Amino acid sequence: MNRASETKDFATQWQNLLPASTRYYCPVKFMIAKETVNVITTEVNKIKEQVTSLSPTKMIVNDIKVLVKPTLIFCMIDGKICNDVASYASTQTCYLCDAKGHE
């Protein structure tokens, strides 16, 4: 499932062969509830809180101390979730640039 590769300069510990695919992703949680703005924002805030509470990983590579801090990237979510998180009521509005559908 995971693939490691090495070059002269560095070693890659994980390389996703299909980065735009959901093949190697796993769901965070299953929940039976109506998908409302309140439920979505509550779950997003819980996940953000869990990520910020993670402690950085410390390691030594070639006598150099390395500190790896985890970050949260929402990359596999649909447009409705993006608009709810960005507080846009319409799915016709782009959550990135605020452009409307007719523009």
PDB file of N, CA and C in Angstrom:
ATOM      1  N   MET A   1       0.824  -1.187   0.000  1.00  0.00           N
ATOM      2  CA  MET A   1       0.000   0.000   0.000  1.00  0.00           C
ATOM      3  C   MET A   1       0.867   1.249   0.000  1.00  0.00           C
ATOM      4  N   ASN A   2       1.774   1.355   0.921  1.00  0.00           N
ATOM      5  CA  ASN A   2       2.651   2.516   0.886  1.00  0.00           C
ATOM      6  C   ASN A   2       3.911   2.169   0.116  1.00  0.00           C
ATOM      7  N   ARG A   3       4.499   3.185  -0.436  1.00  0.00           N
ATOM      8  CA  ARG A   3       5.634   2.964  -1.304  1.00  0.00           C
ATOM      9  C   ARG A   3       6.774   3.859  -0.857  1.00  0.00           C
ATOM     10  N   ALA A   4       7.911   3.287  -0.611  1.00  0.00           N
ATOM     11  CA  ALA A   4       9.079   4.064  -0.218  1.00  0.00           C
ATOM     12  C   ALA A   4      10.073   4.059  -1.364  1.00  0.00           C
ATOM     13  N   SER A   5      10.733   5.179  -1.552  1.00  0.00           N
ATOM     14  CA  SER A   5      11.760   5.258  -2.578  1.00  0.00           C
ATOM     15  C   SER A   5      12.920   6.082  -2.043  1.00  0.00           C
ATOM     16  N   GLU A   6      14.089   5.828  -2.550  1.00  0.00           N
ATOM     17  CA  GLU A   6      15.272   6.543  -2.086  1.00  0.00           C
ATOM     18  C   GLU A   6      16.032   7.107  -3.273  1.00  0.00           C
ATOM     19  N   THR A   7      16.572   8.308  -3.074  1.00  0.00           N
ATOM     20  CA  THR A   7      17.465   8.920  -4.043  1.00  0.00           C
ATOM     21  C   THR A   7      18.749   9.274  -3.310  1.00  0.00           C
ATOM     22  N   LYS A   8      19.667   9.911  -3.988  1.00  0.00           N
ATOM     23  CA  LYS A   8      20.926  10.302  -3.348  1.00  0.00           C
ATOM     24  C   LYS A   8      20.708  11.275  -2.194  1.00  0.00           C
ATOM     25  N   ASP A   9      19.815  12.250  -2.416  1.00  0.00           N
ATOM     26  CA  ASP A   9      19.677  13.344  -1.458  1.00  0.00           C
ATOM     27  C   ASP A   9      18.713  13.063  -0.305  1.00  0.00           C
ATOM     28  N   PHE A  10      17.638  12.346  -0.568  1.00  0.00           N
ATOM     29  CA  PHE A  10      16.658  12.131   0.499  1.00  0.00           C
ATOM     30  C   PHE A  10      15.879  10.851   0.250  1.00  0.00           C
ATOM     31  N   ALA A  11      15.182  10.420   1.278  1.00  0.00           N
ATOM     32  CA  ALA A  11      14.334   9.229   1.181  1.00  0.00           C
ATOM     33  C   ALA A  11      12.878   9.656   1.329  1.00  0.00           C
ATOM     34  N   THR A  12      12.037   9.208   0.435  1.00  0.00           N
ATOM     35  CA  THR A  12      10.608   9.478   0.510  1.00  0.00           C
ATOM     36  C   THR A  12       9.967   8.341   1.284  1.00  0.00           C
ATOM     37  N   GLN A  13       9.268   8.675   2.357  1.00  0.00           N
ATOM     38  CA  GLN A  13       8.644   7.650   3.185  1.00  0.00           C
ATOM     39  C   GLN A  13       7.279   7.239   2.652  1.00  0.00           C
ATOM     40  N   TRP A  14       6.593   8.141   1.982  1.00  0.00           N
ATOM     41  CA  TRP A  14       5.279   7.818   1.445  1.00  0.00           C
ATOM     42  C   TRP A  14       5.101   8.550   0.136  1.00  0.00           C
ATOM     43  N   GLN A  15       4.655   7.850  -0.873  1.00  0.00           N
ATOM     44  CA  GLN A  15       4.352   8.455  -2.151  1.00  0.00           C
ATOM     45  C   GLN A  15       3.047   7.860  -2.641  1.00  0.00           C
ATOM     46  N   ASN A  16       2.027   8.686  -2.733  1.00  0.00           N
ATOM     47  CA  ASN A  16       0.730   8.236  -3.206  1.00  0.00           C
ATOM     48  C   ASN A  16       0.772   8.179  -4.726  1.00  0.00           C
ATOM     49  N   LEU A  17       0.561   7.000  -5.274  1.00  0.00           N
ATOM     50  CA  LEU A  17       0.624   6.833  -6.721  1.00  0.00           C
ATOM     51  C   LEU A  17      -0.555   7.498  -7.432  1.00  0.00           C
ATOM     52  N   LEU A  18      -1.654   7.674  -6.754  1.00  0.00           N
ATOM     53  CA  LEU A  18      -2.844   8.309  -7.311  1.00  0.00           C
ATOM     54  C   LEU A  18      -3.289   9.442  -6.387  1.00  0.00           C
ATOM     55  N   PRO A  19      -2.630  10.603  -6.400  1.00  0.00           N
ATOM     56  CA  PRO A  19      -2.920  11.652  -5.420  1.00  0.00           C
ATOM     57  C   PRO A  19      -4.332  12.231  -5.499  1.00  0.00           C
ATOM     58  N   ALA A  20      -4.974  12.201  -6.661  1.00  0.00           N
ATOM     59  CA  ALA A  20      -6.328  12.741  -6.772  1.00  0.00           C
ATOM     60  C   ALA A  20      -7.386  11.670  -6.527  1.00  0.00           C
ATOM     61  N   SER A  21      -6.980  10.488  -6.147  1.00  0.00           N
ATOM     62  CA  SER A  21      -7.895   9.381  -5.934  1.00  0.00           C
ATOM     63  C   SER A  21      -8.185   9.198  -4.449  1.00  0.00           C
ATOM     64  N   THR A  22      -9.328   8.637  -4.152  1.00  0.00           N
ATOM     65  CA  THR A  22      -9.681   8.342  -2.759  1.00  0.00           C
ATOM     66  C   THR A  22      -9.235   6.947  -2.359  1.00  0.00           C
ATOM     67  N   ARG A  23      -8.438   6.312  -3.184  1.00  0.00           N
ATOM     68  CA  ARG A  23      -8.049   4.921  -2.953  1.00  0.00           C
ATOM     69  C   ARG A  23      -7.342   4.719  -1.610  1.00  0.00           C
ATOM     70  N   TYR A  24      -6.428   5.598  -1.247  1.00  0.00           N
ATOM     71  CA  TYR A  24      -5.671   5.440  -0.007  1.00  0.00           C
ATOM     72  C   TYR A  24      -6.215   6.277   1.141  1.00  0.00           C
ATOM     73  N   TYR A  25      -7.319   6.959   0.928  1.00  0.00           N
ATOM     74  CA  TYR A  25      -7.914   7.765   1.985  1.00  0.00           C
ATOM     75  C   TYR A  25      -8.912   6.926   2.760  1.00  0.00           C
ATOM     76  N   CYS A  26      -9.043   7.202   4.012  1.00  0.00           N
ATOM     77  CA  CYS A  26     -10.055   6.512   4.803  1.00  0.00           C
ATOM     78  C   CYS A  26     -10.957   7.559   5.454  1.00  0.00           C
ATOM     79  N   PRO A  27     -12.219   7.248   5.630  1.00  0.00           N
ATOM     80  CA  PRO A  27     -13.123   8.228   6.240  1.00  0.00           C
ATOM     81  C   PRO A  27     -12.729   8.512   7.680  1.00  0.00           C
ATOM     82  N   VAL A  28     -12.916   9.744   8.075  1.00  0.00           N
ATOM     83  CA  VAL A  28     -12.609  10.141   9.443  1.00  0.00           C
ATOM     84  C   VAL A  28     -13.640   9.557  10.395  1.00  0.00           C
ATOM     85  N   LYS A  29     -14.901   9.569   9.944  1.00  0.00           N
ATOM     86  CA  LYS A  29     -15.971   9.150  10.840  1.00  0.00           C
ATOM     87  C   LYS A  29     -17.248   8.914  10.043  1.00  0.00           C
ATOM     88  N   PHE A  30     -18.050   7.951  10.473  1.00  0.00           N
ATOM     89  CA  PHE A  30     -19.385   7.759   9.912  1.00  0.00           C
ATOM     90  C   PHE A  30     -20.379   8.308  10.909  1.00  0.00           C
ATOM     91  N   MET A  31     -21.358   9.040  10.409  1.00  0.00           N
ATOM     92  CA  MET A  31     -22.321   9.672  11.298  1.00  0.00           C
ATOM     93  C   MET A  31     -23.685   9.678  10.612  1.00  0.00           C
ATOM     94  N   ILE A  32     -24.694   9.257  11.325  1.00  0.00           N
ATOM     95  CA  ILE A  32     -26.041   9.280  10.771  1.00  0.00           C
ATOM     96  C   ILE A  32     -26.725  10.533  11.302  1.00  0.00           C
ATOM     97  N   ALA A  33     -26.736  11.567  10.467  1.00  0.00           N
ATOM     98  CA  ALA A  33     -27.344  12.846  10.830  1.00  0.00           C
ATOM     99  C   ALA A  33     -27.624  13.620   9.554  1.00  0.00           C
ATOM    100  N   LYS A  34     -28.560  14.535   9.626  1.00  0.00           N
ATOM    101  CA  LYS A  34     -28.835  15.396   8.477  1.00  0.00           C
ATOM    102  C   LYS A  34     -27.647  16.336   8.287  1.00  0.00           C
ATOM    103  N   GLU A  35     -27.240  16.483   7.040  1.00  0.00           N
ATOM    104  CA  GLU A  35     -26.059  17.302   6.736  1.00  0.00           C
ATOM    105  C   GLU A  35     -26.450  18.779   6.756  1.00  0.00           C
ATOM    106  N   THR A  36     -26.365  19.381   7.944  1.00  0.00           N
ATOM    107  CA  THR A  36     -26.696  20.794   8.095  1.00  0.00           C
ATOM    108  C   THR A  36     -25.419  21.593   8.306  1.00  0.00           C
ATOM    109  N   VAL A  37     -25.539  22.904   8.165  1.00  0.00           N
ATOM    110  CA  VAL A  37     -24.381  23.783   8.349  1.00  0.00           C
ATOM    111  C   VAL A  37     -23.833  23.632   9.764  1.00  0.00           C
ATOM    112  N   ASN A  38     -24.709  23.522  10.742  1.00  0.00           N
ATOM    113  CA  ASN A  38     -24.277  23.394  12.136  1.00  0.00           C
ATOM    114  C   ASN A  38     -23.491  22.108  12.360  1.00  0.00           C
ATOM    115  N   VAL A  39     -23.983  20.993  11.843  1.00  0.00           N
ATOM    116  CA  VAL A  39     -23.290  19.711  11.994  1.00  0.00           C
ATOM    117  C   VAL A  39     -21.926  19.760  11.303  1.00  0.00           C
ATOM    118  N   ILE A  40     -21.892  20.331  10.105  1.00  0.00           N
ATOM    119  CA  ILE A  40     -20.638  20.402   9.341  1.00  0.00           C
ATOM    120  C   ILE A  40     -19.604  21.254  10.060  1.00  0.00           C
ATOM    121  N   THR A  41     -19.993  22.448  10.491  1.00  0.00           N
ATOM    122  CA  THR A  41     -19.024  23.328  11.166  1.00  0.00           C
ATOM    123  C   THR A  41     -18.578  22.743  12.498  1.00  0.00           C
ATOM    124  N   THR A  42     -19.464  22.050  13.204  1.00  0.00           N
ATOM    125  CA  THR A  42     -19.074  21.411  14.460  1.00  0.00           C
ATOM    126  C   THR A  42     -18.024  20.329  14.216  1.00  0.00           C
ATOM    127  N   GLU A  43     -18.234  19.500  13.202  1.00  0.00           N
ATOM    128  CA  GLU A  43     -17.278  18.434  12.895  1.00  0.00           C
ATOM    129  C   GLU A  43     -15.947  18.997  12.406  1.00  0.00           C
ATOM    130  N   VAL A  44     -15.989  20.032  11.576  1.00  0.00           N
ATOM    131  CA  VAL A  44     -14.757  20.660  11.093  1.00  0.00           C
ATOM    132  C   VAL A  44     -13.972  21.238  12.271  1.00  0.00           C
ATOM    133  N   ASN A  45     -14.653  21.894  13.177  1.00  0.00           N
ATOM    134  CA  ASN A  45     -13.974  22.458  14.354  1.00  0.00           C
ATOM    135  C   ASN A  45     -13.374  21.369  15.241  1.00  0.00           C
ATOM    136  N   LYS A  46     -14.075  20.245  15.384  1.00  0.00           N
ATOM    137  CA  LYS A  46     -13.536  19.123  16.170  1.00  0.00           C
ATOM    138  C   LYS A  46     -12.250  18.588  15.540  1.00  0.00           C
ATOM    139  N   ILE A  47     -12.266  18.435  14.212  1.00  0.00           N
ATOM    140  CA  ILE A  47     -11.076  17.921  13.523  1.00  0.00           C
ATOM    141  C   ILE A  47      -9.921  18.906  13.630  1.00  0.00           C
ATOM    142  N   LYS A  48     -10.208  20.199  13.452  1.00  0.00           N
ATOM    143  CA  LYS A  48      -9.152  21.220  13.593  1.00  0.00           C
ATOM    144  C   LYS A  48      -8.558  21.192  14.998  1.00  0.00           C
ATOM    145  N   GLU A  49      -9.407  21.030  15.994  1.00  0.00           N
ATOM    146  CA  GLU A  49      -8.943  20.966  17.382  1.00  0.00           C
ATOM    147  C   GLU A  49      -8.056  19.743  17.617  1.00  0.00           C
ATOM    148  N   GLN A  50      -8.446  18.610  17.052  1.00  0.00           N
ATOM    149  CA  GLN A  50      -7.643  17.397  17.191  1.00  0.00           C
ATOM    150  C   GLN A  50      -6.283  17.550  16.512  1.00  0.00           C
ATOM    151  N   VAL A  51      -6.259  18.191  15.347  1.00  0.00           N
ATOM    152  CA  VAL A  51      -4.994  18.376  14.629  1.00  0.00           C
ATOM    153  C   VAL A  51      -4.076  19.322  15.393  1.00  0.00           C
ATOM    154  N   THR A  52      -4.621  20.409  15.944  1.00  0.00           N
ATOM    155  CA  THR A  52      -3.776  21.349  16.691  1.00  0.00           C
ATOM    156  C   THR A  52      -3.263  20.738  17.991  1.00  0.00           C
ATOM    157  N   SER A  53      -3.958  19.736  18.511  1.00  0.00           N
ATOM    158  CA  SER A  53      -3.492  19.104  19.747  1.00  0.00           C
ATOM    159  C   SER A  53      -2.422  18.039  19.493  1.00  0.00           C
ATOM    160  N   LEU A  54      -2.182  17.695  18.220  1.00  0.00           N
ATOM    161  CA  LEU A  54      -1.125  16.729  17.914  1.00  0.00           C
ATOM    162  C   LEU A  54       0.239  17.327  18.223  1.00  0.00           C
ATOM    163  N   SER A  55       1.099  16.517  18.778  1.00  0.00           N
ATOM    164  CA  SER A  55       2.442  17.011  19.070  1.00  0.00           C
ATOM    165  C   SER A  55       3.361  16.745  17.874  1.00  0.00           C
ATOM    166  N   PRO A  56       4.301  17.640  17.634  1.00  0.00           N
ATOM    167  CA  PRO A  56       5.233  17.447  16.517  1.00  0.00           C
ATOM    168  C   PRO A  56       6.095  16.206  16.709  1.00  0.00           C
ATOM    169  N   THR A  57       6.503  15.615  15.605  1.00  0.00           N
ATOM    170  CA  THR A  57       7.378  14.453  15.632  1.00  0.00           C
ATOM    171  C   THR A  57       8.821  14.926  15.571  1.00  0.00           C
ATOM    172  N   LYS A  58       9.606  14.462  16.519  1.00  0.00           N
ATOM    173  CA  LYS A  58      11.020  14.833  16.559  1.00  0.00           C
ATOM    174  C   LYS A  58      11.859  13.643  16.133  1.00  0.00           C
ATOM    175  N   MET A  59      12.825  13.901  15.260  1.00  0.00           N
ATOM    176  CA  MET A  59      13.722  12.837  14.826  1.00  0.00           C
ATOM    177  C   MET A  59      15.079  13.433  14.456  1.00  0.00           C
ATOM    178  N   ILE A  60      16.048  12.571  14.363  1.00  0.00           N
ATOM    179  CA  ILE A  60      17.383  12.985  13.973  1.00  0.00           C
ATOM    180  C   ILE A  60      17.736  12.279  12.669  1.00  0.00           C
ATOM    181  N   VAL A  61      18.082  13.079  11.659  1.00  0.00           N
ATOM    182  CA  VAL A  61      18.452  12.558  10.345  1.00  0.00           C
ATOM    183  C   VAL A  61      19.841  13.099  10.004  1.00  0.00           C
ATOM    184  N   ASN A  62      20.793  12.193   9.863  1.00  0.00           N
ATOM    185  CA  ASN A  62      22.180  12.584   9.561  1.00  0.00           C
ATOM    186  C   ASN A  62      22.704  13.635  10.538  1.00  0.00           C
ATOM    187  N   ASP A  63      22.503  13.391  11.816  1.00  0.00           N
ATOM    188  CA  ASP A  63      22.939  14.285  12.900  1.00  0.00           C
ATOM    189  C   ASP A  63      22.276  15.660  12.850  1.00  0.00           C
ATOM    190  N   ILE A  64      21.139  15.780  12.195  1.00  0.00           N
ATOM    191  CA  ILE A  64      20.376  17.022  12.151  1.00  0.00           C
ATOM    192  C   ILE A  64      19.030  16.758  12.823  1.00  0.00           C
ATOM    193  N   LYS A  65      18.682  17.608  13.777  1.00  0.00           N
ATOM    194  CA  LYS A  65      17.390  17.468  14.446  1.00  0.00           C
ATOM    195  C   LYS A  65      16.290  17.996  13.529  1.00  0.00           C
ATOM    196  N   VAL A  66      15.274  17.173  13.319  1.00  0.00           N
ATOM    197  CA  VAL A  66      14.158  17.524  12.447  1.00  0.00           C
ATOM    198  C   VAL A  66      12.879  17.503  13.271  1.00  0.00           C
ATOM    199  N   LEU A  67      12.059  18.530  13.095  1.00  0.00           N
ATOM    200  CA  LEU A  67      10.778  18.639  13.779  1.00  0.00           C
ATOM    201  C   LEU A  67       9.686  18.699  12.718  1.00  0.00           C
ATOM    202  N   VAL A  68       8.790  17.718  12.713  1.00  0.00           N
ATOM    203  CA  VAL A  68       7.716  17.648  11.723  1.00  0.00           C
ATOM    204  C   VAL A  68       6.411  17.998  12.419  1.00  0.00           C
ATOM    205  N   LYS A  69       5.778  19.098  11.955  1.00  0.00           N
ATOM    206  CA  LYS A  69       4.514  19.536  12.541  1.00  0.00           C
ATOM    207  C   LYS A  69       3.362  19.132  11.629  1.00  0.00           C
ATOM    208  N   PRO A  70       2.323  18.487  12.172  1.00  0.00           N
ATOM    209  CA  PRO A  70       1.182  18.092  11.349  1.00  0.00           C
ATOM    210  C   PRO A  70       0.323  19.301  10.980  1.00  0.00           C
ATOM    211  N   THR A  71      -0.200  19.309   9.764  1.00  0.00           N
ATOM    212  CA  THR A  71      -1.098  20.373   9.325  1.00  0.00           C
ATOM    213  C   THR A  71      -2.363  19.754   8.746  1.00  0.00           C
ATOM    214  N   LEU A  72      -3.434  20.520   8.761  1.00  0.00           N
ATOM    215  CA  LEU A  72      -4.716  20.063   8.252  1.00  0.00           C
ATOM    216  C   LEU A  72      -4.953  20.659   6.875  1.00  0.00           C
ATOM    217  N   ILE A  73      -5.245  19.805   5.919  1.00  0.00           N
ATOM    218  CA  ILE A  73      -5.565  20.259   4.571  1.00  0.00           C
ATOM    219  C   ILE A  73      -6.868  19.578   4.155  1.00  0.00           C
ATOM    220  N   PHE A  74      -7.908  20.366   3.946  1.00  0.00           N
ATOM    221  CA  PHE A  74      -9.166  19.817   3.455  1.00  0.00           C
ATOM    222  C   PHE A  74      -9.020  19.630   1.950  1.00  0.00           C
ATOM    223  N   CYS A  75      -8.798  18.400   1.530  1.00  0.00           N
ATOM    224  CA  CYS A  75      -8.542  18.177   0.104  1.00  0.00           C
ATOM    225  C   CYS A  75      -9.560  17.260  -0.553  1.00  0.00           C
ATOM    226  N   MET A  76     -10.265  16.473   0.177  1.00  0.00           N
ATOM    227  CA  MET A  76     -11.210  15.523  -0.421  1.00  0.00           C
ATOM    228  C   MET A  76     -12.625  15.775   0.117  1.00  0.00           C
ATOM    229  N   ILE A  77     -13.122  16.991  -0.116  1.00  0.00           N
ATOM    230  CA  ILE A  77     -14.478  17.327   0.314  1.00  0.00           C
ATOM    231  C   ILE A  77     -15.235  17.912  -0.875  1.00  0.00           C
ATOM    232  N   ASP A  78     -16.548  17.839  -0.821  1.00  0.00           N
ATOM    233  CA  ASP A  78     -17.341  18.323  -1.948  1.00  0.00           C
ATOM    234  C   ASP A  78     -17.650  19.818  -1.823  1.00  0.00           C
ATOM    235  N   GLY A  79     -18.260  20.369  -2.869  1.00  0.00           N
ATOM    236  CA  GLY A  79     -18.526  21.806  -2.934  1.00  0.00           C
ATOM    237  C   GLY A  79     -19.454  22.310  -1.847  1.00  0.00           C
ATOM    238  N   LYS A  80     -20.445  21.508  -1.467  1.00  0.00           N
ATOM    239  CA  LYS A  80     -21.377  21.944  -0.419  1.00  0.00           C
ATOM    240  C   LYS A  80     -20.652  22.128   0.909  1.00  0.00           C
ATOM    241  N   ILE A  81     -19.776  21.193   1.235  1.00  0.00           N
ATOM    242  CA  ILE A  81     -19.011  21.292   2.482  1.00  0.00           C
ATOM    243  C   ILE A  81     -18.094  22.509   2.442  1.00  0.00           C
ATOM    244  N   CYS A  82     -17.440  22.738   1.304  1.00  0.00           N
ATOM    245  CA  CYS A  82     -16.558  23.909   1.160  1.00  0.00           C
ATOM    246  C   CYS A  82     -17.334  25.201   1.390  1.00  0.00           C
ATOM    247  N   ASN A  83     -18.509  25.303   0.783  1.00  0.00           N
ATOM    248  CA  ASN A  83     -19.312  26.512   0.947  1.00  0.00           C
ATOM    249  C   ASN A  83     -19.793  26.682   2.380  1.00  0.00           C
ATOM    250  N   ASP A  84     -20.157  25.591   3.036  1.00  0.00           N
ATOM    251  CA  ASP A  84     -20.594  25.691   4.426  1.00  0.00           C
ATOM    252  C   ASP A  84     -19.451  26.115   5.344  1.00  0.00           C
ATOM    253  N   VAL A  85     -18.264  25.571   5.117  1.00  0.00           N
ATOM    254  CA  VAL A  85     -17.108  25.933   5.941  1.00  0.00           C
ATOM    255  C   VAL A  85     -16.710  27.388   5.692  1.00  0.00           C
ATOM    256  N   ALA A  86     -16.821  27.839   4.425  1.00  0.00           N
ATOM    257  CA  ALA A  86     -16.461  29.210   4.070  1.00  0.00           C
ATOM    258  C   ALA A  86     -17.601  30.200   4.320  1.00  0.00           C
ATOM    259  N   SER A  87     -18.732  29.714   4.827  1.00  0.00           N
ATOM    260  CA  SER A  87     -19.908  30.528   5.164  1.00  0.00           C
ATOM    261  C   SER A  87     -20.569  31.169   3.953  1.00  0.00           C
ATOM    262  N   TYR A  88     -20.620  30.448   2.827  1.00  0.00           N
ATOM    263  CA  TYR A  88     -21.360  30.902   1.656  1.00  0.00           C
ATOM    264  C   TYR A  88     -22.668  30.134   1.601  1.00  0.00           C
ATOM    265  N   ALA A  89     -23.777  30.865   1.466  1.00  0.00           N
ATOM    266  CA  ALA A  89     -25.084  30.216   1.448  1.00  0.00           C
ATOM    267  C   ALA A  89     -25.354  29.526   0.117  1.00  0.00           C
ATOM    268  N   SER A  90     -24.824  30.059  -0.972  1.00  0.00           N
ATOM    269  CA  SER A  90     -25.097  29.520  -2.298  1.00  0.00           C
ATOM    270  C   SER A  90     -23.967  28.616  -2.770  1.00  0.00           C
ATOM    271  N   THR A  91     -24.328  27.489  -3.371  1.00  0.00           N
ATOM    272  CA  THR A  91     -23.314  26.614  -3.950  1.00  0.00           C
ATOM    273  C   THR A  91     -22.843  27.148  -5.298  1.00  0.00           C
ATOM    274  N   GLN A  92     -23.487  28.205  -5.796  1.00  0.00           N
ATOM    275  CA  GLN A  92     -23.095  28.831  -7.054  1.00  0.00           C
ATOM    276  C   GLN A  92     -21.936  29.812  -6.856  1.00  0.00           C
ATOM    277  N   THR A  93     -21.568  30.084  -5.611  1.00  0.00           N
ATOM    278  CA  THR A  93     -20.474  31.010  -5.318  1.00  0.00           C
ATOM    279  C   THR A  93     -19.202  30.213  -5.063  1.00  0.00           C
ATOM    280  N   CYS A  94     -18.116  30.644  -5.692  1.00  0.00           N
ATOM    281  CA  CYS A  94     -16.833  29.969  -5.501  1.00  0.00           C
ATOM    282  C   CYS A  94     -16.303  30.281  -4.102  1.00  0.00           C
ATOM    283  N   TYR A  95     -15.967  29.259  -3.347  1.00  0.00           N
ATOM    284  CA  TYR A  95     -15.464  29.460  -1.979  1.00  0.00           C
ATOM    285  C   TYR A  95     -14.041  29.977  -1.959  1.00  0.00           C
ATOM    286  N   LEU A  96     -13.330  29.917  -3.082  1.00  0.00           N
ATOM    287  CA  LEU A  96     -11.948  30.407  -3.145  1.00  0.00           C
ATOM    288  C   LEU A  96     -11.865  31.876  -3.530  1.00  0.00           C
ATOM    289  N   CYS A  97     -12.585  32.269  -4.607  1.00  0.00           N
ATOM    290  CA  CYS A  97     -12.419  33.625  -5.132  1.00  0.00           C
ATOM    291  C   CYS A  97     -13.682  34.460  -5.052  1.00  0.00           C
ATOM    292  N   ASP A  98     -14.771  33.938  -4.490  1.00  0.00           N
ATOM    293  CA  ASP A  98     -16.021  34.640  -4.298  1.00  0.00           C
ATOM    294  C   ASP A  98     -16.720  35.003  -5.615  1.00  0.00           C
ATOM    295  N   ALA A  99     -16.384  34.318  -6.705  1.00  0.00           N
ATOM    296  CA  ALA A  99     -17.025  34.575  -7.997  1.00  0.00           C
ATOM    297  C   ALA A  99     -18.395  33.897  -8.027  1.00  0.00           C
ATOM    298  N   LYS A 100     -19.332  34.554  -8.679  1.00  0.00           N
ATOM    299  CA  LYS A 100     -20.691  34.017  -8.831  1.00  0.00           C
ATOM    300  C   LYS A 100     -20.745  33.175 -10.106  1.00  0.00           C
ATOM    301  N   GLY A 101     -21.784  32.375 -10.275  1.00  0.00           N
ATOM    302  CA  GLY A 101     -21.925  31.517 -11.434  1.00  0.00           C
ATOM    303  C   GLY A 101     -22.030  32.260 -12.747  1.00  0.00           C
ATOM    304  N   HIS A 102     -22.603  33.463 -12.727  1.00  0.00           N
ATOM    305  CA  HIS A 102     -22.793  34.229 -13.965  1.00  0.00           C
ATOM    306  C   HIS A 102     -21.556  35.042 -14.353  1.00  0.00           C
ATOM    307  N   GLU A 103     -20.539  35.060 -13.511  1.00  0.00           N
ATOM    308  CA  GLU A 103     -19.333  35.867 -13.798  1.00  0.00           C
ATOM    309  C   GLU A 103     -18.336  35.086 -14.598  1.00  0.00           C
TER     310      GLU A 103
END
